[in-house]
Amino acid sequence: MEPTAPILFFDSGVGGLSVLGPARQLLPNAPIVYAADSAGFPYGKRTEAELAIRVPALLGRLVERFRPRLAVIACNTASTIALDHARAALDIPVVGTVPAIKPAAELSRSRVIGVLGTEATVRQPYVDDLAERFASDCIVIRHGSPELVELAEAKLAGEPVAIQAVHDAVAPMVLQPDGERMDVMVLACTHFPLLADEIAAAFPAIAQVDGGPGIARRIAYLTQGQDWPGEPYAGIAVFTGGPPTELAPALARFGLTDIQSL
């Protein structure tokens, strides 16, 4: 394995940066390619059949172009729908992103937890399975919020995001039956940790959990013993919809200074 072989992170937009951040902390010298399917954004409004074809096809093109050592589908929606398809199509390890229901159940005292994701993620049978395996004694309230995805993208582009707008996007989950007892919410979309401060301000009594740190540990485990460059390596950001110049300052904060098109 060449030390310069990158880790590939893939998302529909910029939400996967919330997964890249913890991975950067554990593996600061790892070369990174961050790919955003901006032409297909948002995934939460696309059909399962469409994503099952689109995601593996795009990953195949990215693997051919950048020759990564490992790929991370840093998107809950894409992972719950297309992870198995991607693993079958690629000859490198593929790490998925799944809702952090297990740690939420471990943290909850009221035994009422929320799963806040995209509309596509929260309706997946995979979420049913996670809830049955790890939160069978909990009431699990789900809510899909495309508005919150848009707000996260806007925030990263430097636009102001009002706490009230975040509150209004999340409120339907809390207003469901038993929602007043919810003490933990799962941020089941990688975009949502980018709004962690705003969500906390809107709902200070509800703790948040997300899968980013766990995914970072999984990446570190799968790459242990492999060689890396001797110093931090400039990262590449690739967009299917053309380079978004307004995101350049935010991408640079994650070490992504080379912005390209796919």
C-alpha atoms as a PDB file:
ATOM      1  CA  MET A   1       0.000   0.000   0.000  1.00  0.00           C
ATOM      2  CA  GLU A   2       1.484   3.341  -1.078  1.00  0.00           C
ATOM      3  CA  PRO A   3       1.585   5.905   1.775  1.00  0.00           C
ATOM      4  CA  THR A   4      -0.150   8.425  -0.508  1.00  0.00           C
ATOM      5  CA  ALA A   5      -3.163   6.150  -1.175  1.00  0.00           C
ATOM      6  CA  PRO A   6      -6.073   8.224   0.161  1.00  0.00           C
ATOM      7  CA  ILE A   7      -9.143   7.530   2.228  1.00  0.00           C
ATOM      8  CA  LEU A   8     -12.236   8.323   0.147  1.00  0.00           C
ATOM      9  CA  PHE A   9     -15.197   9.971   1.887  1.00  0.00           C
ATOM     10  CA  PHE A  10     -18.462  10.109  -0.069  1.00  0.00           C
ATOM     11  CA  ASP A  11     -21.673  12.040   0.622  1.00  0.00           C
ATOM     12  CA  SER A  12     -24.422  13.794  -1.280  1.00  0.00           C
ATOM     13  CA  GLY A  13     -23.197  17.147   0.022  1.00  0.00           C
ATOM     14  CA  VAL A  14     -21.053  18.527   2.828  1.00  0.00           C
ATOM     15  CA  GLY A  15     -22.576  16.529   5.686  1.00  0.00           C
ATOM     16  CA  GLY A  16     -19.821  13.940   5.492  1.00  0.00           C
ATOM     17  CA  LEU A  17     -17.418  16.552   6.812  1.00  0.00           C
ATOM     18  CA  SER A  18     -18.834  15.707  10.256  1.00  0.00           C
ATOM     19  CA  VAL A  19     -17.359  12.220   9.742  1.00  0.00           C
ATOM     20  CA  LEU A  20     -14.129  13.474   8.170  1.00  0.00           C
ATOM     21  CA  GLY A  21     -13.432  15.731  11.160  1.00  0.00           C
ATOM     22  CA  PRO A  22     -13.070  12.950  13.775  1.00  0.00           C
ATOM     23  CA  ALA A  23     -11.136  10.817  11.274  1.00  0.00           C
ATOM     24  CA  ARG A  24      -8.683  13.674  10.722  1.00  0.00           C
ATOM     25  CA  GLN A  25      -8.090  13.837  14.480  1.00  0.00           C
ATOM     26  CA  LEU A  26      -7.203  10.136  14.666  1.00  0.00           C
ATOM     27  CA  LEU A  27      -5.230  10.024  11.393  1.00  0.00           C
ATOM     28  CA  PRO A  28      -3.863  13.554  10.874  1.00  0.00           C
ATOM     29  CA  ASN A  29      -1.459  12.571   8.076  1.00  0.00           C
ATOM     30  CA  ALA A  30      -3.924  10.523   6.052  1.00  0.00           C
ATOM     31  CA  PRO A  31      -4.404  11.724   2.459  1.00  0.00           C
ATOM     32  CA  ILE A  32      -8.077  12.510   1.932  1.00  0.00           C
ATOM     33  CA  VAL A  33     -10.403  12.665  -1.050  1.00  0.00           C
ATOM     34  CA  TYR A  34     -13.822  14.036  -0.137  1.00  0.00           C
ATOM     35  CA  ALA A  35     -16.443  13.496  -2.831  1.00  0.00           C
ATOM     36  CA  ALA A  36     -19.835  15.209  -2.827  1.00  0.00           C
ATOM     37  CA  ASP A  37     -22.566  14.220  -5.276  1.00  0.00           C
ATOM     38  CA  SER A  38     -23.810  17.779  -5.439  1.00  0.00           C
ATOM     39  CA  ALA A  39     -25.547  17.090  -8.751  1.00  0.00           C
ATOM     40  CA  GLY A  40     -27.679  14.472  -6.986  1.00  0.00           C
ATOM     41  CA  PHE A  41     -28.269  16.431  -3.762  1.00  0.00           C
ATOM     42  CA  PRO A  42     -30.367  15.924  -1.651  1.00  0.00           C
ATOM     43  CA  TYR A  43     -30.426  12.131  -1.358  1.00  0.00           C
ATOM     44  CA  GLY A  44     -33.268  12.168   1.150  1.00  0.00           C
ATOM     45  CA  LYS A  45     -35.721  13.013  -1.632  1.00  0.00           C
ATOM     46  CA  ARG A  46     -34.515  10.346  -4.081  1.00  0.00           C
ATOM     47  CA  THR A  47     -35.944   6.848  -4.402  1.00  0.00           C
ATOM     48  CA  GLU A  48     -34.257   3.783  -2.973  1.00  0.00           C
ATOM     49  CA  ALA A  49     -33.982   2.221  -6.431  1.00  0.00           C
ATOM     50  CA  GLU A  50     -32.268   5.298  -7.834  1.00  0.00           C
ATOM     51  CA  LEU A  51     -29.702   5.480  -5.022  1.00  0.00           C
ATOM     52  CA  ALA A  52     -28.979   1.753  -5.176  1.00  0.00           C
ATOM     53  CA  ILE A  53     -27.729   2.338  -8.731  1.00  0.00           C
ATOM     54  CA  ARG A  54     -26.288   5.840  -8.477  1.00  0.00           C
ATOM     55  CA  VAL A  55     -24.095   5.451  -5.390  1.00  0.00           C
ATOM     56  CA  PRO A  56     -22.111   2.338  -6.474  1.00  0.00           C
ATOM     57  CA  ALA A  57     -21.665   3.774  -9.966  1.00  0.00           C
ATOM     58  CA  LEU A  58     -20.210   7.030  -8.641  1.00  0.00           C
ATOM     59  CA  LEU A  59     -18.015   5.215  -6.150  1.00  0.00           C
ATOM     60  CA  GLY A  60     -16.690   3.049  -8.960  1.00  0.00           C
ATOM     61  CA  ARG A  61     -15.648   6.132 -10.933  1.00  0.00           C
ATOM     62  CA  LEU A  62     -14.017   7.661  -7.865  1.00  0.00           C
ATOM     63  CA  VAL A  63     -12.099   4.503  -7.007  1.00  0.00           C
ATOM     64  CA  GLU A  64     -10.826   4.243 -10.578  1.00  0.00           C
ATOM     65  CA  ARG A  65      -9.678   7.863 -10.548  1.00  0.00           C
ATOM     66  CA  PHE A  66      -8.129   8.162  -7.072  1.00  0.00           C
ATOM     67  CA  ARG A  67      -7.191   4.561  -6.129  1.00  0.00           C
ATOM     68  CA  PRO A  68      -8.116   4.879  -2.438  1.00  0.00           C
ATOM     69  CA  ARG A  69      -7.188   2.313   0.200  1.00  0.00           C
ATOM     70  CA  LEU A  70     -10.645   2.493   1.761  1.00  0.00           C
ATOM     71  CA  ALA A  71     -13.989   4.180   1.054  1.00  0.00           C
ATOM     72  CA  VAL A  72     -16.367   5.686   3.584  1.00  0.00           C
ATOM     73  CA  ILE A  73     -19.991   6.301   2.660  1.00  0.00           C
ATOM     74  CA  ALA A  74     -20.345   9.289   4.974  1.00  0.00           C
ATOM     75  CA  CYS A  75     -24.098   9.509   4.455  1.00  0.00           C
ATOM     76  CA  ASN A  76     -26.786   7.694   6.436  1.00  0.00           C
ATOM     77  CA  THR A  77     -29.255   7.671   3.548  1.00  0.00           C
ATOM     78  CA  ALA A  78     -26.790   6.239   1.041  1.00  0.00           C
ATOM     79  CA  SER A  79     -25.500   3.718   3.568  1.00  0.00           C
ATOM     80  CA  THR A  80     -28.876   2.347   4.613  1.00  0.00           C
ATOM     81  CA  ILE A  81     -29.858   1.900   0.951  1.00  0.00           C
ATOM     82  CA  ALA A  82     -26.695   1.247  -1.062  1.00  0.00           C
ATOM     83  CA  LEU A  83     -23.959  -0.044   1.283  1.00  0.00           C
ATOM     84  CA  ASP A  84     -24.325  -3.694   0.300  1.00  0.00           C
ATOM     85  CA  HIS A  85     -24.442  -2.760  -3.404  1.00  0.00           C
ATOM     86  CA  ALA A  86     -21.260  -0.690  -3.036  1.00  0.00           C
ATOM     87  CA  ARG A  87     -19.423  -3.461  -1.218  1.00  0.00           C
ATOM     88  CA  ALA A  88     -20.353  -5.913  -3.953  1.00  0.00           C
ATOM     89  CA  ALA A  89     -19.140  -3.524  -6.661  1.00  0.00           C
ATOM     90  CA  LEU A  90     -15.795  -2.463  -5.157  1.00  0.00           C
ATOM     91  CA  ASP A  91     -12.651  -4.397  -4.320  1.00  0.00           C
ATOM     92  CA  ILE A  92     -11.640  -2.205  -1.362  1.00  0.00           C
ATOM     93  CA  PRO A  93     -13.099  -2.016   2.166  1.00  0.00           C
ATOM     94  CA  VAL A  94     -16.236   0.141   2.378  1.00  0.00           C
ATOM     95  CA  VAL A  95     -17.309   1.633   5.710  1.00  0.00           C
ATOM     96  CA  GLY A  96     -20.919   2.705   6.072  1.00  0.00           C
ATOM     97  CA  THR A  97     -22.689   5.198   8.300  1.00  0.00           C
ATOM     98  CA  VAL A  98     -25.643   3.999  10.350  1.00  0.00           C
ATOM     99  CA  PRO A  99     -27.823   5.743  12.939  1.00  0.00           C
ATOM    100  CA  ALA A 100     -26.233   5.716  16.402  1.00  0.00           C
ATOM    101  CA  ILE A 101     -29.237   4.064  18.053  1.00  0.00           C
ATOM    102  CA  LYS A 102     -27.174   1.805  20.321  1.00  0.00           C
ATOM    103  CA  PRO A 103     -25.286   4.620  22.112  1.00  0.00           C
ATOM    104  CA  ALA A 104     -28.496   6.647  22.308  1.00  0.00           C
ATOM    105  CA  ALA A 105     -30.282   3.807  24.087  1.00  0.00           C
ATOM    106  CA  GLU A 106     -27.325   3.362  26.434  1.00  0.00           C
ATOM    107  CA  LEU A 107     -27.462   7.066  27.317  1.00  0.00           C
ATOM    108  CA  SER A 108     -31.228   7.494  27.678  1.00  0.00           C
ATOM    109  CA  ARG A 109     -32.799   7.521  31.145  1.00  0.00           C
ATOM    110  CA  SER A 110     -36.370   8.237  30.063  1.00  0.00           C
ATOM    111  CA  ARG A 111     -36.268   5.351  27.519  1.00  0.00           C
ATOM    112  CA  VAL A 112     -37.605   7.676  24.815  1.00  0.00           C
ATOM    113  CA  ILE A 113     -35.155   8.481  22.047  1.00  0.00           C
ATOM    114  CA  GLY A 114     -35.493  10.297  18.740  1.00  0.00           C
ATOM    115  CA  VAL A 115     -34.024   9.422  15.369  1.00  0.00           C
ATOM    116  CA  LEU A 116     -33.611  12.610  13.369  1.00  0.00           C
ATOM    117  CA  GLY A 117     -32.571  11.997   9.772  1.00  0.00           C
ATOM    118  CA  THR A 118     -33.695  12.386   6.201  1.00  0.00           C
ATOM    119  CA  GLU A 119     -37.066  11.113   5.089  1.00  0.00           C
ATOM    120  CA  ALA A 120     -35.373   8.245   3.254  1.00  0.00           C
ATOM    121  CA  THR A 121     -33.261   7.156   6.231  1.00  0.00           C
ATOM    122  CA  VAL A 122     -35.932   7.108   8.927  1.00  0.00           C
ATOM    123  CA  ARG A 123     -38.251   4.855   6.898  1.00  0.00           C
ATOM    124  CA  GLN A 124     -35.624   2.181   6.202  1.00  0.00           C
ATOM    125  CA  PRO A 125     -36.074  -1.360   7.587  1.00  0.00           C
ATOM    126  CA  TYR A 126     -32.447  -1.093   8.718  1.00  0.00           C
ATOM    127  CA  VAL A 127     -33.576   1.431  11.333  1.00  0.00           C
ATOM    128  CA  ASP A 128     -36.257  -1.020  12.489  1.00  0.00           C
ATOM    129  CA  ASP A 129     -33.574  -3.653  12.940  1.00  0.00           C
ATOM    130  CA  LEU A 130     -31.256  -1.359  14.908  1.00  0.00           C
ATOM    131  CA  ALA A 131     -34.125  -0.291  17.167  1.00  0.00           C
ATOM    132  CA  GLU A 132     -35.134  -3.905  17.805  1.00  0.00           C
ATOM    133  CA  ARG A 133     -31.558  -5.034  18.508  1.00  0.00           C
ATOM    134  CA  PHE A 134     -30.330  -2.142  20.636  1.00  0.00           C
ATOM    135  CA  ALA A 135     -33.365  -0.173  21.872  1.00  0.00           C
ATOM    136  CA  SER A 136     -36.118  -2.744  22.304  1.00  0.00           C
ATOM    137  CA  ASP A 137     -37.078  -1.269  25.676  1.00  0.00           C
ATOM    138  CA  CYS A 138     -37.236   2.275  24.286  1.00  0.00           C
ATOM    139  CA  ILE A 139     -39.857   4.273  22.476  1.00  0.00           C
ATOM    140  CA  VAL A 140     -38.136   5.326  19.248  1.00  0.00           C
ATOM    141  CA  ILE A 141     -39.576   8.447  17.618  1.00  0.00           C
ATOM    142  CA  ARG A 142     -38.534   9.184  14.046  1.00  0.00           C
ATOM    143  CA  HIS A 143     -38.588  12.358  12.018  1.00  0.00           C
ATOM    144  CA  GLY A 144     -37.263  13.164   8.552  1.00  0.00           C
ATOM    145  CA  SER A 145     -36.213  16.764   8.018  1.00  0.00           C
ATOM    146  CA  PRO A 146     -35.052  17.867   4.567  1.00  0.00           C
ATOM    147  CA  GLU A 147     -35.123  21.447   5.867  1.00  0.00           C
ATOM    148  CA  LEU A 148     -32.332  20.704   8.323  1.00  0.00           C
ATOM    149  CA  VAL A 149     -30.135  19.344   5.533  1.00  0.00           C
ATOM    150  CA  GLU A 150     -30.535  22.589   3.613  1.00  0.00           C
ATOM    151  CA  LEU A 151     -29.765  24.635   6.742  1.00  0.00           C
ATOM    152  CA  ALA A 152     -26.549  22.687   7.330  1.00  0.00           C
ATOM    153  CA  GLU A 153     -25.402  23.289   3.760  1.00  0.00           C
ATOM    154  CA  ALA A 154     -26.212  26.989   4.144  1.00  0.00           C
ATOM    155  CA  LYS A 155     -24.258  27.238   7.396  1.00  0.00           C
ATOM    156  CA  LEU A 156     -21.138  25.717   5.862  1.00  0.00           C
ATOM    157  CA  ALA A 157     -21.410  28.152   2.969  1.00  0.00           C
ATOM    158  CA  GLY A 158     -21.209  30.980   5.510  1.00  0.00           C
ATOM    159  CA  GLU A 159     -24.859  31.945   5.578  1.00  0.00           C
ATOM    160  CA  PRO A 160     -26.496  32.821   8.927  1.00  0.00           C
ATOM    161  CA  VAL A 161     -28.758  30.128  10.366  1.00  0.00           C
ATOM    162  CA  ALA A 162     -31.482  31.181  12.789  1.00  0.00           C
ATOM    163  CA  ILE A 163     -32.065  29.093  15.911  1.00  0.00           C
ATOM    164  CA  GLN A 164     -35.803  29.423  15.276  1.00  0.00           C
ATOM    165  CA  ALA A 165     -35.441  27.848  11.837  1.00  0.00           C
ATOM    166  CA  VAL A 166     -33.608  24.879  13.363  1.00  0.00           C
ATOM    167  CA  HIS A 167     -36.237  24.643  16.104  1.00  0.00           C
ATOM    168  CA  ASP A 168     -39.052  24.591  13.569  1.00  0.00           C
ATOM    169  CA  ALA A 169     -37.339  21.831  11.564  1.00  0.00           C
ATOM    170  CA  VAL A 170     -36.878  19.570  14.591  1.00  0.00           C
ATOM    171  CA  ALA A 171     -40.079  20.420  16.515  1.00  0.00           C
ATOM    172  CA  PRO A 172     -42.361  17.893  14.719  1.00  0.00           C
ATOM    173  CA  MET A 173     -40.291  15.081  16.259  1.00  0.00           C
ATOM    174  CA  VAL A 174     -40.647  16.432  19.775  1.00  0.00           C
ATOM    175  CA  LEU A 175     -44.361  17.069  19.301  1.00  0.00           C
ATOM    176  CA  GLN A 176     -45.107  13.418  18.491  1.00  0.00           C
ATOM    177  CA  PRO A 177     -46.710  11.263  21.231  1.00  0.00           C
ATOM    178  CA  ASP A 178     -44.244  10.755  24.124  1.00  0.00           C
ATOM    179  CA  GLY A 179     -41.946  13.334  22.551  1.00  0.00           C
ATOM    180  CA  GLU A 180     -42.011  15.433  25.699  1.00  0.00           C
ATOM    181  CA  ARG A 181     -40.124  12.583  27.459  1.00  0.00           C
ATOM    182  CA  MET A 182     -37.350  12.357  24.855  1.00  0.00           C
ATOM    183  CA  ASP A 183     -33.922  12.848  26.432  1.00  0.00           C
ATOM    184  CA  VAL A 184     -31.610  11.762  23.594  1.00  0.00           C
ATOM    185  CA  MET A 185     -31.783  12.346  19.857  1.00  0.00           C
ATOM    186  CA  VAL A 186     -29.781  10.486  17.244  1.00  0.00           C
ATOM    187  CA  LEU A 187     -28.431  12.779  14.550  1.00  0.00           C
ATOM    188  CA  ALA A 188     -29.019  10.202  11.813  1.00  0.00           C
ATOM    189  CA  CYS A 189     -27.822  12.381   8.957  1.00  0.00           C
ATOM    190  CA  THR A 190     -24.197  13.409   8.685  1.00  0.00           C
ATOM    191  CA  HIS A 191     -25.302  16.959   7.905  1.00  0.00           C
ATOM    192  CA  PHE A 192     -26.890  17.405  11.299  1.00  0.00           C
ATOM    193  CA  PRO A 193     -23.779  17.465  13.542  1.00  0.00           C
ATOM    194  CA  LEU A 194     -22.803  20.590  11.606  1.00  0.00           C
ATOM    195  CA  LEU A 195     -25.799  22.175  13.373  1.00  0.00           C
ATOM    196  CA  ALA A 196     -25.091  20.664  16.795  1.00  0.00           C
ATOM    197  CA  ASP A 197     -24.780  24.057  18.504  1.00  0.00           C
ATOM    198  CA  GLU A 198     -28.015  25.351  16.994  1.00  0.00           C
ATOM    199  CA  ILE A 199     -29.914  22.158  17.863  1.00  0.00           C
ATOM    200  CA  ALA A 200     -28.596  22.322  21.435  1.00  0.00           C
ATOM    201  CA  ALA A 201     -29.711  25.935  21.722  1.00  0.00           C
ATOM    202  CA  ALA A 202     -33.186  25.052  20.428  1.00  0.00           C
ATOM    203  CA  PHE A 203     -33.554  21.898  22.573  1.00  0.00           C
ATOM    204  CA  PRO A 204     -31.150  22.226  25.524  1.00  0.00           C
ATOM    205  CA  ALA A 205     -32.716  19.373  27.527  1.00  0.00           C
ATOM    206  CA  ILE A 206     -32.129  16.753  24.820  1.00  0.00           C
ATOM    207  CA  ALA A 207     -28.686  15.178  24.403  1.00  0.00           C
ATOM    208  CA  GLN A 208     -27.307  14.439  20.941  1.00  0.00           C
ATOM    209  CA  VAL A 209     -25.365  11.449  19.614  1.00  0.00           C
ATOM    210  CA  ASP A 210     -23.965  10.810  16.150  1.00  0.00           C
ATOM    211  CA  GLY A 211     -21.857   8.182  14.460  1.00  0.00           C
ATOM    212  CA  GLY A 212     -18.815  10.277  13.491  1.00  0.00           C
ATOM    213  CA  PRO A 213     -16.419   9.276  16.291  1.00  0.00           C
ATOM    214  CA  GLY A 214     -17.310   5.581  15.961  1.00  0.00           C
ATOM    215  CA  ILE A 215     -16.704   5.653  12.217  1.00  0.00           C
ATOM    216  CA  ALA A 216     -13.341   7.328  12.772  1.00  0.00           C
ATOM    217  CA  ARG A 217     -12.332   4.519  15.148  1.00  0.00           C
ATOM    218  CA  ARG A 218     -13.432   1.941  12.572  1.00  0.00           C
ATOM    219  CA  ILE A 219     -11.301   3.599   9.872  1.00  0.00           C
ATOM    220  CA  ALA A 220      -8.302   3.645  12.204  1.00  0.00           C
ATOM    221  CA  TYR A 221      -8.810  -0.043  12.987  1.00  0.00           C
ATOM    222  CA  LEU A 222      -9.066  -1.077   9.335  1.00  0.00           C
ATOM    223  CA  THR A 223      -5.926   0.874   8.408  1.00  0.00           C
ATOM    224  CA  GLN A 224      -3.757  -0.004  11.420  1.00  0.00           C
ATOM    225  CA  GLY A 225      -0.241  -0.921  10.436  1.00  0.00           C
ATOM    226  CA  GLN A 226      -0.503   0.844   7.089  1.00  0.00           C
ATOM    227  CA  ASP A 227       1.976   3.529   6.045  1.00  0.00           C
ATOM    228  CA  TRP A 228       1.053   7.217   5.848  1.00  0.00           C
ATOM    229  CA  PRO A 229       2.962  10.276   4.677  1.00  0.00           C
ATOM    230  CA  GLY A 230       5.300  11.783   7.256  1.00  0.00           C
ATOM    231  CA  GLU A 231       3.305  15.002   7.501  1.00  0.00           C
ATOM    232  CA  PRO A 232      -0.266  16.221   6.848  1.00  0.00           C
ATOM    233  CA  TYR A 233      -1.204  15.800   3.207  1.00  0.00           C
ATOM    234  CA  ALA A 234      -3.250  18.292   1.156  1.00  0.00           C
ATOM    235  CA  GLY A 235      -6.780  16.985   0.677  1.00  0.00           C
ATOM    236  CA  ILE A 236      -8.936  16.951  -2.453  1.00  0.00           C
ATOM    237  CA  ALA A 237     -12.633  17.827  -2.625  1.00  0.00           C
ATOM    238  CA  VAL A 238     -14.548  16.571  -5.670  1.00  0.00           C
ATOM    239  CA  PHE A 239     -18.042  17.710  -6.673  1.00  0.00           C
ATOM    240  CA  THR A 240     -20.282  16.172  -9.317  1.00  0.00           C
ATOM    241  CA  GLY A 241     -22.103  19.457  -9.811  1.00  0.00           C
ATOM    242  CA  GLY A 242     -19.055  21.651 -10.319  1.00  0.00           C
ATOM    243  CA  PRO A 243     -16.700  23.291  -7.779  1.00  0.00           C
ATOM    244  CA  PRO A 244     -18.660  25.469  -5.304  1.00  0.00           C
ATOM    245  CA  THR A 245     -16.346  28.412  -4.751  1.00  0.00           C
ATOM    246  CA  GLU A 246     -18.403  29.650  -1.798  1.00  0.00           C
ATOM    247  CA  LEU A 247     -17.446  26.516   0.154  1.00  0.00           C
ATOM    248  CA  ALA A 248     -13.685  26.943  -0.308  1.00  0.00           C
ATOM    249  CA  PRO A 249     -13.031  28.554   3.126  1.00  0.00           C
ATOM    250  CA  ALA A 250     -15.033  25.861   4.959  1.00  0.00           C
ATOM    251  CA  LEU A 251     -13.384  23.035   3.021  1.00  0.00           C
ATOM    252  CA  ALA A 252      -9.951  24.468   3.787  1.00  0.00           C
ATOM    253  CA  ARG A 253     -10.713  24.148   7.522  1.00  0.00           C
ATOM    254  CA  PHE A 254     -10.897  20.379   6.938  1.00  0.00           C
ATOM    255  CA  GLY A 255      -7.632  20.357   4.974  1.00  0.00           C
ATOM    256  CA  LEU A 256      -9.372  20.199   1.581  1.00  0.00           C
ATOM    257  CA  THR A 257      -7.583  22.786  -0.505  1.00  0.00           C
ATOM    258  CA  ASP A 258      -7.764  21.238  -3.988  1.00  0.00           C
ATOM    259  CA  ILE A 259     -11.340  21.491  -5.341  1.00  0.00           C
ATOM    260  CA  GLN A 260     -12.163  19.512  -8.484  1.00  0.00           C
ATOM    261  CA  SER A 261     -15.089  18.307 -10.597  1.00  0.00           C
ATOM    262  CA  LEU A 262     -16.026  14.714 -11.305  1.00  0.00           C
END
